[in-house]
């Protein structure tokens, strides 16, 4: 299942310029001292504003991970909101 299909099935999403917009954030604090986790805006595990950095809007997991790696060396997708 691709990202767009997954999010369409699980979240109510805004439409911008005829495209579906998916906003993602990365945790500032690494989990277990290693990975910074990337979440969708609607994720129940998303940290509060002081504990996250906005990555932006993306349509696929590869672009999300690239954006996360610009912030931190070790990143991964949230297993709750970003199931591939």
PDB file of N, CA and C in Angstrom:
ATOM      1  N   UNK A   1       0.846  -1.170   0.000  1.00  0.00           N
ATOM      2  CA  UNK A   1       0.000   0.000   0.000  1.00  0.00           C
ATOM      3  C   UNK A   1       0.895   1.239   0.000  1.00  0.00           C
ATOM      4  N   UNK A   2       0.589   2.208  -0.852  1.00  0.00           N
ATOM      5  CA  UNK A   2       1.405   3.417  -0.865  1.00  0.00           C
ATOM      6  C   UNK A   2       0.906   4.414   0.181  1.00  0.00           C
ATOM      7  N   UNK A   3       1.692   5.438   0.426  1.00  0.00           N
ATOM      8  CA  UNK A   3       1.400   6.421   1.460  1.00  0.00           C
ATOM      9  C   UNK A   3       0.064   7.103   1.232  1.00  0.00           C
ATOM     10  N   UNK A   4      -0.188   7.531   0.020  1.00  0.00           N
ATOM     11  CA  UNK A   4      -1.418   8.257  -0.280  1.00  0.00           C
ATOM     12  C   UNK A   4      -2.639   7.384   0.024  1.00  0.00           C
ATOM     13  N   UNK A   5      -2.623   6.144  -0.394  1.00  0.00           N
ATOM     14  CA  UNK A   5      -3.741   5.229  -0.150  1.00  0.00           C
ATOM     15  C   UNK A   5      -3.931   4.997   1.343  1.00  0.00           C
ATOM     16  N   UNK A   6      -2.837   4.764   2.051  1.00  0.00           N
ATOM     17  CA  UNK A   6      -2.922   4.535   3.490  1.00  0.00           C
ATOM     18  C   UNK A   6      -3.552   5.728   4.203  1.00  0.00           C
ATOM     19  N   UNK A   7      -3.050   6.923   3.929  1.00  0.00           N
ATOM     20  CA  UNK A   7      -3.561   8.103   4.617  1.00  0.00           C
ATOM     21  C   UNK A   7      -4.994   8.426   4.222  1.00  0.00           C
ATOM     22  N   UNK A   8      -5.333   8.213   2.961  1.00  0.00           N
ATOM     23  CA  UNK A   8      -6.718   8.433   2.536  1.00  0.00           C
ATOM     24  C   UNK A   8      -7.675   7.517   3.283  1.00  0.00           C
ATOM     25  N   UNK A   9      -7.248   6.314   3.559  1.00  0.00           N
ATOM     26  CA  UNK A   9      -8.095   5.349   4.253  1.00  0.00           C
ATOM     27  C   UNK A   9      -8.181   5.595   5.754  1.00  0.00           C
ATOM     28  N   UNK A  10      -7.228   6.338   6.323  1.00  0.00           N
ATOM     29  CA  UNK A  10      -7.171   6.472   7.774  1.00  0.00           C
ATOM     30  C   UNK A  10      -7.373   7.883   8.320  1.00  0.00           C
ATOM     31  N   UNK A  11      -7.249   8.897   7.497  1.00  0.00           N
ATOM     32  CA  UNK A  11      -7.332  10.263   8.005  1.00  0.00           C
ATOM     33  C   UNK A  11      -8.172  11.142   7.088  1.00  0.00           C
ATOM     34  N   UNK A  12      -8.751  12.168   7.670  1.00  0.00           N
ATOM     35  CA  UNK A  12      -9.412  13.191   6.872  1.00  0.00           C
ATOM     36  C   UNK A  12      -8.335  14.221   6.546  1.00  0.00           C
ATOM     37  N   UNK A  13      -8.121  14.484   5.270  1.00  0.00           N
ATOM     38  CA  UNK A  13      -6.978  15.293   4.842  1.00  0.00           C
ATOM     39  C   UNK A  13      -7.404  16.530   4.065  1.00  0.00           C
ATOM     40  N   UNK A  14      -6.638  17.626   4.202  1.00  0.00           N
ATOM     41  CA  UNK A  14      -6.949  18.830   3.435  1.00  0.00           C
ATOM     42  C   UNK A  14      -6.553  18.674   1.969  1.00  0.00           C
ATOM     43  N   UNK A  15      -7.280  19.332   1.106  1.00  0.00           N
ATOM     44  CA  UNK A  15      -6.959  19.343  -0.321  1.00  0.00           C
ATOM     45  C   UNK A  15      -6.376  20.718  -0.649  1.00  0.00           C
ATOM     46  N   UNK A  16      -5.205  20.744  -1.244  1.00  0.00           N
ATOM     47  CA  UNK A  16      -4.557  21.994  -1.625  1.00  0.00           C
ATOM     48  C   UNK A  16      -4.223  21.933  -3.103  1.00  0.00           C
ATOM     49  N   UNK A  17      -4.713  22.906  -3.875  1.00  0.00           N
ATOM     50  CA  UNK A  17      -4.451  22.971  -5.320  1.00  0.00           C
ATOM     51  C   UNK A  17      -4.751  21.641  -6.006  1.00  0.00           C
ATOM     52  N   UNK A  18      -5.828  20.995  -5.609  1.00  0.00           N
ATOM     53  CA  UNK A  18      -6.220  19.749  -6.254  1.00  0.00           C
ATOM     54  C   UNK A  18      -5.409  18.541  -5.836  1.00  0.00           C
ATOM     55  N   UNK A  19      -4.433  18.728  -4.968  1.00  0.00           N
ATOM     56  CA  UNK A  19      -3.599  17.622  -4.489  1.00  0.00           C
ATOM     57  C   UNK A  19      -3.891  17.388  -3.015  1.00  0.00           C
ATOM     58  N   UNK A  20      -3.669  16.189  -2.578  1.00  0.00           N
ATOM     59  CA  UNK A  20      -3.839  15.884  -1.163  1.00  0.00           C
ATOM     60  C   UNK A  20      -2.541  16.232  -0.448  1.00  0.00           C
ATOM     61  N   UNK A  21      -2.663  16.927   0.657  1.00  0.00           N
ATOM     62  CA  UNK A  21      -1.508  17.401   1.402  1.00  0.00           C
ATOM     63  C   UNK A  21      -1.290  16.548   2.651  1.00  0.00           C
ATOM     64  N   UNK A  22      -0.083  16.016   2.824  1.00  0.00           N
ATOM     65  CA  UNK A  22       0.263  15.214   3.985  1.00  0.00           C
ATOM     66  C   UNK A  22       1.407  15.908   4.715  1.00  0.00           C
ATOM     67  N   UNK A  23       1.165  16.368   5.922  1.00  0.00           N
ATOM     68  CA  UNK A  23       2.184  17.084   6.682  1.00  0.00           C
ATOM     69  C   UNK A  23       2.855  16.127   7.670  1.00  0.00           C
ATOM     70  N   UNK A  24       4.187  16.205   7.737  1.00  0.00           N
ATOM     71  CA  UNK A  24       4.953  15.306   8.595  1.00  0.00           C
ATOM     72  C   UNK A  24       5.904  16.083   9.495  1.00  0.00           C
ATOM     73  N   UNK A  25       6.191  15.487  10.654  1.00  0.00           N
ATOM     74  CA  UNK A  25       7.068  16.066  11.663  1.00  0.00           C
ATOM     75  C   UNK A  25       8.067  15.007  12.115  1.00  0.00           C
ATOM     76  N   UNK A  26       9.213  15.481  12.621  1.00  0.00           N
ATOM     77  CA  UNK A  26      10.215  14.569  13.167  1.00  0.00           C
ATOM     78  C   UNK A  26      10.462  14.929  14.630  1.00  0.00           C
ATOM     79  N   UNK A  27      10.623  13.909  15.452  1.00  0.00           N
ATOM     80  CA  UNK A  27      10.896  14.126  16.874  1.00  0.00           C
ATOM     81  C   UNK A  27      12.292  14.714  17.054  1.00  0.00           C
ATOM     82  N   UNK A  28      12.418  15.712  17.926  1.00  0.00           N
ATOM     83  CA  UNK A  28      13.725  16.300  18.214  1.00  0.00           C
ATOM     84  C   UNK A  28      14.602  15.339  19.017  1.00  0.00           C
ATOM     85  N   UNK A  29      13.983  14.583  19.916  1.00  0.00           N
ATOM     86  CA  UNK A  29      14.728  13.667  20.782  1.00  0.00           C
ATOM     87  C   UNK A  29      14.762  12.281  20.151  1.00  0.00           C
ATOM     88  N   UNK A  30      15.952  11.702  20.089  1.00  0.00           N
ATOM     89  CA  UNK A  30      16.108  10.360  19.514  1.00  0.00           C
ATOM     90  C   UNK A  30      15.554   9.309  20.465  1.00  0.00           C
ATOM     91  N   UNK A  31      14.924   8.298  19.894  1.00  0.00           N
ATOM     92  CA  UNK A  31      14.416   7.175  20.689  1.00  0.00           C
ATOM     93  C   UNK A  31      15.572   6.233  20.999  1.00  0.00           C
ATOM     94  N   UNK A  32      15.696   5.853  22.259  1.00  0.00           N
ATOM     95  CA  UNK A  32      16.774   4.970  22.717  1.00  0.00           C
ATOM     96  C   UNK A  32      18.146   5.491  22.287  1.00  0.00           C
ATOM     97  N   UNK A  33      18.251   6.823  22.190  1.00  0.00           N
ATOM     98  CA  UNK A  33      19.519   7.442  21.852  1.00  0.00           C
ATOM     99  C   UNK A  33      19.970   7.290  20.418  1.00  0.00           C
ATOM    100  N   UNK A  34      19.089   6.818  19.525  1.00  0.00           N
ATOM    101  CA  UNK A  34      19.523   6.596  18.153  1.00  0.00           C
ATOM    102  C   UNK A  34      18.605   7.236  17.116  1.00  0.00           C
ATOM    103  N   UNK A  35      17.413   6.686  16.929  1.00  0.00           N
ATOM    104  CA  UNK A  35      16.541   7.111  15.831  1.00  0.00           C
ATOM    105  C   UNK A  35      15.589   8.238  16.213  1.00  0.00           C
ATOM    106  N   UNK A  36      15.482   9.205  15.306  1.00  0.00           N
ATOM    107  CA  UNK A  36      14.474  10.253  15.405  1.00  0.00           C
ATOM    108  C   UNK A  36      13.292   9.771  14.570  1.00  0.00           C
ATOM    109  N   UNK A  37      12.107   9.754  15.164  1.00  0.00           N
ATOM    110  CA  UNK A  37      10.940   9.160  14.520  1.00  0.00           C
ATOM    111  C   UNK A  37      10.118  10.222  13.796  1.00  0.00           C
ATOM    112  N   UNK A  38       9.683   9.876  12.578  1.00  0.00           N
ATOM    113  CA  UNK A  38       8.867  10.755  11.743  1.00  0.00           C
ATOM    114  C   UNK A  38       7.404  10.346  11.885  1.00  0.00           C
ATOM    115  N   UNK A  39       6.526  11.349  12.109  1.00  0.00           N
ATOM    116  CA  UNK A  39       5.094  11.120  12.295  1.00  0.00           C
ATOM    117  C   UNK A  39       4.279  11.978  11.331  1.00  0.00           C
ATOM    118  N   UNK A  40       3.069  11.513  11.026  1.00  0.00           N
ATOM    119  CA  UNK A  40       2.116  12.357  10.303  1.00  0.00           C
ATOM    120  C   UNK A  40       1.484  13.316  11.312  1.00  0.00           C
ATOM    121  N   UNK A  41       0.899  14.390  10.811  1.00  0.00           N
ATOM    122  CA  UNK A  41       0.280  15.392  11.679  1.00  0.00           C
ATOM    123  C   UNK A  41      -0.839  14.789  12.526  1.00  0.00           C
ATOM    124  N   UNK A  42      -1.528  13.787  12.008  1.00  0.00           N
ATOM    125  CA  UNK A  42      -2.665  13.186  12.707  1.00  0.00           C
ATOM    126  C   UNK A  42      -2.268  12.061  13.668  1.00  0.00           C
ATOM    127  N   UNK A  43      -1.000  11.760  13.783  1.00  0.00           N
ATOM    128  CA  UNK A  43      -0.553  10.626  14.607  1.00  0.00           C
ATOM    129  C   UNK A  43      -0.807  10.878  16.095  1.00  0.00           C
ATOM    130  N   UNK A  44      -1.319   9.863  16.772  1.00  0.00           N
ATOM    131  CA  UNK A  44      -1.554   9.947  18.215  1.00  0.00           C
ATOM    132  C   UNK A  44      -0.250   9.987  19.005  1.00  0.00           C
ATOM    133  N   UNK A  45       0.855   9.560  18.411  1.00  0.00           N
ATOM    134  CA  UNK A  45       2.153   9.532  19.089  1.00  0.00           C
ATOM    135  C   UNK A  45       3.004  10.771  18.805  1.00  0.00           C
ATOM    136  N   UNK A  46       2.471  11.723  18.038  1.00  0.00           N
ATOM    137  CA  UNK A  46       3.198  12.947  17.690  1.00  0.00           C
ATOM    138  C   UNK A  46       3.489  13.755  18.955  1.00  0.00           C
ATOM    139  N   UNK A  47       4.757  14.122  19.191  1.00  0.00           N
ATOM    140  CA  UNK A  47       5.093  14.938  20.365  1.00  0.00           C
ATOM    141  C   UNK A  47       4.466  16.333  20.263  1.00  0.00           C
ATOM    142  N   UNK A  48       4.436  17.039  21.401  1.00  0.00           N
ATOM    143  CA  UNK A  48       3.918  18.406  21.365  1.00  0.00           C
ATOM    144  C   UNK A  48       4.874  19.295  20.569  1.00  0.00           C
ATOM    145  N   UNK A  49       4.478  20.525  20.335  1.00  0.00           N
ATOM    146  CA  UNK A  49       5.243  21.428  19.453  1.00  0.00           C
ATOM    147  C   UNK A  49       6.697  21.600  19.863  1.00  0.00           C
ATOM    148  N   UNK A  50       6.951  21.610  21.155  1.00  0.00           N
ATOM    149  CA  UNK A  50       8.335  21.820  21.603  1.00  0.00           C
ATOM    150  C   UNK A  50       9.228  20.607  21.339  1.00  0.00           C
ATOM    151  N   UNK A  51       8.637  19.453  21.077  1.00  0.00           N
ATOM    152  CA  UNK A  51       9.409  18.231  20.878  1.00  0.00           C
ATOM    153  C   UNK A  51       9.483  17.749  19.446  1.00  0.00           C
ATOM    154  N   UNK A  52       9.120  18.618  18.496  1.00  0.00           N
ATOM    155  CA  UNK A  52       9.104  18.188  17.095  1.00  0.00           C
ATOM    156  C   UNK A  52       9.546  19.301  16.157  1.00  0.00           C
ATOM    157  N   UNK A  53       9.924  18.892  14.944  1.00  0.00           N
ATOM    158  CA  UNK A  53      10.300  19.814  13.869  1.00  0.00           C
ATOM    159  C   UNK A  53       9.421  19.486  12.670  1.00  0.00           C
ATOM    160  N   UNK A  54       8.845  20.500  12.070  1.00  0.00           N
ATOM    161  CA  UNK A  54       8.015  20.286  10.880  1.00  0.00           C
ATOM    162  C   UNK A  54       8.921  19.992   9.689  1.00  0.00           C
ATOM    163  N   UNK A  55       8.641  18.881   9.012  1.00  0.00           N
ATOM    164  CA  UNK A  55       9.397  18.527   7.809  1.00  0.00           C
ATOM    165  C   UNK A  55       8.732  19.078   6.554  1.00  0.00           C
ATOM    166  N   UNK A  56       7.407  19.112   6.549  1.00  0.00           N
ATOM    167  CA  UNK A  56       6.684  19.611   5.389  1.00  0.00           C
ATOM    168  C   UNK A  56       5.662  18.614   4.887  1.00  0.00           C
ATOM    169  N   UNK A  57       5.247  18.832   3.646  1.00  0.00           N
ATOM    170  CA  UNK A  57       4.214  18.005   3.026  1.00  0.00           C
ATOM    171  C   UNK A  57       4.839  17.114   1.963  1.00  0.00           C
ATOM    172  N   UNK A  58       4.470  15.830   1.986  1.00  0.00           N
ATOM    173  CA  UNK A  58       5.072  14.849   1.088  1.00  0.00           C
ATOM    174  C   UNK A  58       4.036  13.868   0.578  1.00  0.00           C
ATOM    175  N   UNK A  59       4.353  13.248  -0.557  1.00  0.00           N
ATOM    176  CA  UNK A  59       3.458  12.272  -1.172  1.00  0.00           C
ATOM    177  C   UNK A  59       4.005  10.852  -1.126  1.00  0.00           C
ATOM    178  N   UNK A  60       5.273  10.665  -0.700  1.00  0.00           N
ATOM    179  CA  UNK A  60       5.799   9.298  -0.611  1.00  0.00           C
ATOM    180  C   UNK A  60       6.825   9.182   0.518  1.00  0.00           C
ATOM    181  N   UNK A  61       7.021   7.950   0.966  1.00  0.00           N
ATOM    182  CA  UNK A  61       7.895   7.691   2.108  1.00  0.00           C
ATOM    183  C   UNK A  61       9.355   8.039   1.831  1.00  0.00           C
ATOM    184  N   UNK A  62       9.814   7.843   0.612  1.00  0.00           N
ATOM    185  CA  UNK A  62      11.218   8.126   0.289  1.00  0.00           C
ATOM    186  C   UNK A  62      11.541   9.603   0.502  1.00  0.00           C
ATOM    187  N   UNK A  63      10.646  10.485   0.060  1.00  0.00           N
ATOM    188  CA  UNK A  63      10.873  11.926   0.225  1.00  0.00           C
ATOM    189  C   UNK A  63      10.811  12.337   1.690  1.00  0.00           C
ATOM    190  N   UNK A  64       9.946  11.682   2.442  1.00  0.00           N
ATOM    191  CA  UNK A  64       9.847  11.971   3.878  1.00  0.00           C
ATOM    192  C   UNK A  64      11.164  11.613   4.567  1.00  0.00           C
ATOM    193  N   UNK A  65      11.696  10.438   4.269  1.00  0.00           N
ATOM    194  CA  UNK A  65      12.954  10.000   4.885  1.00  0.00           C
ATOM    195  C   UNK A  65      14.118  10.901   4.486  1.00  0.00           C
ATOM    196  N   UNK A  66      14.170  11.334   3.233  1.00  0.00           N
ATOM    197  CA  UNK A  66      15.230  12.254   2.796  1.00  0.00           C
ATOM    198  C   UNK A  66      15.163  13.567   3.567  1.00  0.00           C
ATOM    199  N   UNK A  67      13.958  14.084   3.760  1.00  0.00           N
ATOM    200  CA  UNK A  67      13.793  15.328   4.518  1.00  0.00           C
ATOM    201  C   UNK A  67      14.224  15.128   5.970  1.00  0.00           C
ATOM    202  N   UNK A  68      13.881  13.997   6.548  1.00  0.00           N
ATOM    203  CA  UNK A  68      14.283  13.703   7.921  1.00  0.00           C
ATOM    204  C   UNK A  68      15.785  13.609   8.072  1.00  0.00           C
ATOM    205  N   UNK A  69      16.446  13.025   7.070  1.00  0.00           N
ATOM    206  CA  UNK A  69      17.905  12.864   7.122  1.00  0.00           C
ATOM    207  C   UNK A  69      18.646  14.188   6.945  1.00  0.00           C
ATOM    208  N   UNK A  70      17.950  15.215   6.483  1.00  0.00           N
ATOM    209  CA  UNK A  70      18.554  16.554   6.438  1.00  0.00           C
ATOM    210  C   UNK A  70      18.628  17.146   7.845  1.00  0.00           C
ATOM    211  N   UNK A  71      17.758  16.668   8.732  1.00  0.00           N
ATOM    212  CA  UNK A  71      17.728  17.151  10.119  1.00  0.00           C
ATOM    213  C   UNK A  71      18.607  16.308  11.042  1.00  0.00           C
ATOM    214  N   UNK A  72      18.524  14.980  10.884  1.00  0.00           N
ATOM    215  CA  UNK A  72      19.236  14.052  11.765  1.00  0.00           C
ATOM    216  C   UNK A  72      19.782  12.878  10.960  1.00  0.00           C
ATOM    217  N   UNK A  73      20.886  12.301  11.443  1.00  0.00           N
ATOM    218  CA  UNK A  73      21.527  11.191  10.728  1.00  0.00           C
ATOM    219  C   UNK A  73      20.682   9.917  10.760  1.00  0.00           C
ATOM    220  N   UNK A  74      20.129   9.582  11.921  1.00  0.00           N
ATOM    221  CA  UNK A  74      19.367   8.335  12.083  1.00  0.00           C
ATOM    222  C   UNK A  74      17.881   8.652  12.220  1.00  0.00           C
ATOM    223  N   UNK A  75      17.112   8.272  11.211  1.00  0.00           N
ATOM    224  CA  UNK A  75      15.670   8.518  11.230  1.00  0.00           C
ATOM    225  C   UNK A  75      14.920   7.251  10.825  1.00  0.00           C
ATOM    226  N   UNK A  76      13.670   7.175  11.259  1.00  0.00           N
ATOM    227  CA  UNK A  76      12.795   6.085  10.828  1.00  0.00           C
ATOM    228  C   UNK A  76      11.360   6.589  10.853  1.00  0.00           C
ATOM    229  N   UNK A  77      10.503   5.876  10.138  1.00  0.00           N
ATOM    230  CA  UNK A  77       9.089   6.211  10.101  1.00  0.00           C
ATOM    231  C   UNK A  77       8.384   5.612  11.311  1.00  0.00           C
ATOM    232  N   UNK A  78       7.396   6.303  11.820  1.00  0.00           N
ATOM    233  CA  UNK A  78       6.583   5.799  12.921  1.00  0.00           C
ATOM    234  C   UNK A  78       5.858   4.533  12.476  1.00  0.00           C
ATOM    235  N   UNK A  79       5.946   3.493  13.268  1.00  0.00           N
ATOM    236  CA  UNK A  79       5.293   2.232  12.905  1.00  0.00           C
ATOM    237  C   UNK A  79       3.780   2.297  13.110  1.00  0.00           C
ATOM    238  N   UNK A  80       3.299   3.332  13.781  1.00  0.00           N
ATOM    239  CA  UNK A  80       1.864   3.495  14.000  1.00  0.00           C
ATOM    240  C   UNK A  80       1.199   4.249  12.850  1.00  0.00           C
ATOM    241  N   UNK A  81       1.779   5.368  12.431  1.00  0.00           N
ATOM    242  CA  UNK A  81       1.111   6.209  11.427  1.00  0.00           C
ATOM    243  C   UNK A  81       1.701   6.102  10.024  1.00  0.00           C
ATOM    244  N   UNK A  82       2.855   5.501   9.871  1.00  0.00           N
ATOM    245  CA  UNK A  82       3.518   5.438   8.556  1.00  0.00           C
ATOM    246  C   UNK A  82       3.812   4.005   8.138  1.00  0.00           C
ATOM    247  N   UNK A  83       2.834   3.141   8.265  1.00  0.00           N
ATOM    248  CA  UNK A  83       3.026   1.748   7.850  1.00  0.00           C
ATOM    249  C   UNK A  83       3.128   1.688   6.335  1.00  0.00           C
ATOM    250  N   UNK A  84       4.144   0.997   5.844  1.00  0.00           N
ATOM    251  CA  UNK A  84       4.356   0.914   4.394  1.00  0.00           C
ATOM    252  C   UNK A  84       3.634  -0.260   3.802  1.00  0.00           C
TER     253      UNK A  84
END
